[in-house]
Amino acid sequence: MASEKILNEKKEIVSEIIDNIKNSESVILFQYQGLTVAEMMELRNKLNAVSSKVRVYKNTLLKRALDELNINMDDFLAGPNAILFGETLLEPIKIIAEYAKDHEKLNIRVGIISGDVAGLDVIKEYASIPSREGLLTMLSAGMIQYVRDLSISLNLYAEKLEGKE
């Protein structure tokens, strides 16, 4: 039978997983088998830049934490998995999706987005959304078009009035 110290350590790890899931806007479970240590460090560094972190836990401890949160991801808890905890919604998803395109050994399996389980298709949709800066640029370009059209119209009207005199 496991000692009291080991049981307490496992309880602490389960509690840590639960806290990380609750405090994250995006959680992605992925397989990393076949990536080199340097590739994993590169991924971690990119994710650290957007306040995200990658952890590797035993699947049994991860399952216990998910069971306590009433989240069913049992179909995906086989084999070596890593879990990404993102404080923001889009940036970590975009980074890991882009990294998965460049590294075929990284396999995104499932995610938890804003508390709901999300399949691979939903994760890919989120990854395709432009960044906040891109959306603001698109909005301002759309708004400036109306101002430009108004200025052209006013200029043409002014030229028409000058021609009548």
Protein backbone atom coordinates (compact mmCIF):
# COMPACT_ATOMS: atom_id res chain seq x y z
CA MET A 1 0.00 0.00 0.00
CA ALA A 2 1.19 3.50 -0.80
CA SER A 3 2.57 5.57 2.02
CA GLU A 4 0.77 8.60 3.38
CA LYS A 5 3.45 10.89 1.95
CA ILE A 6 2.96 9.57 -1.60
CA LEU A 7 -0.83 9.83 -1.31
CA ASN A 8 -0.54 13.44 -0.16
CA GLU A 9 1.79 14.24 -3.07
CA LYS A 10 -0.72 12.75 -5.50
CA LYS A 11 -3.55 14.73 -3.91
CA GLU A 12 -1.50 17.91 -4.28
CA ILE A 13 -0.87 17.16 -7.97
CA VAL A 14 -4.59 16.52 -8.57
CA SER A 15 -5.39 19.77 -6.78
CA GLU A 16 -2.80 21.59 -8.93
CA ILE A 17 -4.37 20.20 -12.11
CA ILE A 18 -7.84 21.28 -10.98
CA ASP A 19 -6.61 24.80 -10.17
CA ASN A 20 -4.82 25.08 -13.51
CA ILE A 21 -7.93 24.00 -15.42
CA LYS A 22 -10.19 26.38 -13.48
CA ASN A 23 -7.81 29.33 -14.01
CA SER A 24 -7.30 28.71 -17.73
CA GLU A 25 -9.38 29.99 -20.63
CA SER A 26 -7.97 27.33 -22.93
CA VAL A 27 -6.72 23.85 -22.06
CA ILE A 28 -5.34 21.63 -24.81
CA LEU A 29 -4.44 17.96 -24.43
CA PHE A 30 -1.86 16.82 -26.98
CA GLN A 31 0.53 14.00 -27.72
CA TYR A 32 4.17 14.96 -27.91
CA GLN A 33 5.83 11.59 -28.45
CA GLY A 34 8.58 11.89 -31.06
CA LEU A 35 9.39 15.56 -30.40
CA THR A 36 12.94 16.25 -29.34
CA VAL A 37 13.77 17.99 -26.10
CA ALA A 38 14.81 21.08 -28.09
CA GLU A 39 11.47 21.13 -29.92
CA MET A 40 9.55 20.86 -26.65
CA MET A 41 11.63 23.67 -25.16
CA GLU A 42 10.93 25.81 -28.22
CA LEU A 43 7.18 25.18 -27.84
CA ARG A 44 7.31 25.93 -24.12
CA ASN A 45 9.19 29.18 -24.74
CA LYS A 46 6.65 30.32 -27.34
CA LEU A 47 3.81 29.52 -24.96
CA ASN A 48 5.52 31.16 -21.98
CA ALA A 49 5.56 34.40 -23.99
CA VAL A 50 1.74 34.42 -23.92
CA SER A 51 1.40 33.40 -20.25
CA SER A 52 0.75 29.73 -20.99
CA LYS A 53 2.40 26.62 -19.69
CA VAL A 54 2.82 22.99 -20.71
CA ARG A 55 2.80 20.23 -18.13
CA VAL A 56 3.07 16.46 -18.29
CA TYR A 57 1.06 14.49 -15.73
CA LYS A 58 0.27 10.84 -15.28
CA ASN A 59 -2.98 10.01 -17.04
CA THR A 60 -4.44 8.51 -13.86
CA LEU A 61 -3.92 11.78 -11.94
CA LEU A 62 -5.29 13.80 -14.85
CA LYS A 63 -8.35 11.53 -14.97
CA ARG A 64 -8.99 12.02 -11.25
CA ALA A 65 -8.84 15.79 -11.65
CA LEU A 66 -11.17 15.71 -14.65
CA ASP A 67 -13.59 13.44 -12.80
CA GLU A 68 -13.73 15.91 -9.92
CA LEU A 69 -14.59 18.65 -12.43
CA ASN A 70 -17.19 16.43 -14.14
CA ILE A 71 -15.33 16.56 -17.45
CA ASN A 72 -15.22 13.37 -19.51
CA MET A 73 -12.13 12.99 -21.67
CA ASP A 74 -11.48 9.30 -20.96
CA ASP A 75 -11.17 8.44 -24.67
CA PHE A 76 -8.09 10.67 -24.94
CA LEU A 77 -6.20 9.60 -21.82
CA ALA A 78 -4.15 6.82 -23.37
CA GLY A 79 -0.46 7.10 -24.11
CA PRO A 80 1.89 9.93 -23.28
CA ASN A 81 0.03 13.24 -23.15
CA ALA A 82 0.98 16.77 -22.32
CA ILE A 83 -1.47 19.44 -21.32
CA LEU A 84 -1.39 23.12 -22.21
CA PHE A 85 -2.89 25.66 -19.81
CA GLY A 86 -3.53 29.04 -21.42
CA GLU A 87 -4.55 32.13 -19.47
CA THR A 88 -5.96 33.68 -22.63
CA LEU A 89 -8.24 32.08 -25.17
CA LEU A 90 -6.80 32.50 -28.65
CA GLU A 91 -3.04 33.00 -28.47
CA PRO A 92 -2.10 29.60 -27.00
CA ILE A 93 -4.44 27.79 -29.39
CA LYS A 94 -2.97 29.63 -32.37
CA ILE A 95 0.61 28.88 -31.25
CA ILE A 96 0.09 25.15 -30.67
CA ALA A 97 -1.94 24.73 -33.88
CA GLU A 98 0.80 26.46 -35.89
CA TYR A 99 3.44 24.37 -34.17
CA ALA A 100 1.48 21.19 -34.94
CA LYS A 101 1.46 22.14 -38.64
CA ASP A 102 5.26 22.41 -38.64
CA HIS A 103 5.86 19.31 -36.47
CA GLU A 104 3.80 16.31 -37.49
CA LYS A 105 4.75 14.41 -34.33
CA LEU A 106 2.70 16.84 -32.22
CA ASN A 107 -0.89 15.64 -32.24
CA ILE A 108 -3.63 17.83 -30.74
CA ARG A 109 -6.29 15.56 -29.25
CA VAL A 110 -8.94 17.53 -27.37
CA GLY A 111 -9.37 20.75 -25.44
CA ILE A 112 -11.37 22.59 -22.84
CA ILE A 113 -12.31 26.06 -24.04
CA SER A 114 -14.00 28.35 -21.52
CA GLY A 115 -15.05 25.33 -19.46
CA ASP A 116 -16.50 23.24 -22.30
CA VAL A 117 -14.90 20.21 -23.94
CA ALA A 118 -13.91 21.05 -27.51
CA GLY A 119 -13.00 18.61 -30.25
CA LEU A 120 -10.25 19.02 -32.80
CA ASP A 121 -12.56 20.76 -35.30
CA VAL A 122 -13.51 23.45 -32.76
CA ILE A 123 -9.85 23.97 -31.84
CA LYS A 124 -9.00 24.42 -35.53
CA GLU A 125 -11.79 27.01 -35.89
CA TYR A 126 -10.39 28.99 -32.96
CA ALA A 127 -6.89 28.73 -34.45
CA SER A 128 -8.13 30.27 -37.71
CA ILE A 129 -9.52 33.40 -36.03
CA PRO A 130 -7.30 36.42 -36.68
CA SER A 131 -5.49 37.99 -33.75
CA ARG A 132 -6.96 40.94 -31.86
CA GLU A 133 -4.69 43.33 -33.77
CA GLY A 134 -5.76 41.77 -37.06
CA LEU A 135 -9.44 42.14 -36.18
CA LEU A 136 -8.92 45.78 -35.17
CA THR A 137 -7.12 46.44 -38.46
CA MET A 138 -9.99 44.90 -40.40
CA LEU A 139 -12.50 47.00 -38.44
CA SER A 140 -10.61 50.25 -38.97
CA ALA A 141 -10.16 49.50 -42.69
CA GLY A 142 -13.90 48.99 -42.98
CA MET A 143 -14.65 52.21 -41.12
CA ILE A 144 -12.11 54.30 -43.06
CA GLN A 145 -13.77 53.24 -46.33
CA TYR A 146 -16.92 55.17 -45.39
CA VAL A 147 -14.92 58.28 -44.48
CA ARG A 148 -13.02 58.05 -47.78
CA ASP A 149 -16.25 57.66 -49.77
CA LEU A 150 -17.79 60.62 -47.94
CA SER A 151 -14.77 62.83 -48.66
CA ILE A 152 -14.85 61.90 -52.37
CA SER A 153 -18.57 62.66 -52.51
CA LEU A 154 -18.13 66.03 -50.79
CA ASN A 155 -15.24 66.88 -53.12
CA LEU A 156 -17.32 66.02 -56.21
CA TYR A 157 -20.24 68.06 -54.86
CA ALA A 158 -17.94 71.02 -54.19
CA GLU A 159 -16.54 70.83 -57.76
CA LYS A 160 -20.07 70.70 -59.11
CA LEU A 161 -21.02 73.83 -57.16
CA GLU A 162 -17.92 75.64 -58.40
CA GLY A 163 -18.83 74.78 -61.99
CA LYS A 164 -22.26 76.48 -61.68
CA GLU A 165 -20.86 79.86 -60.75
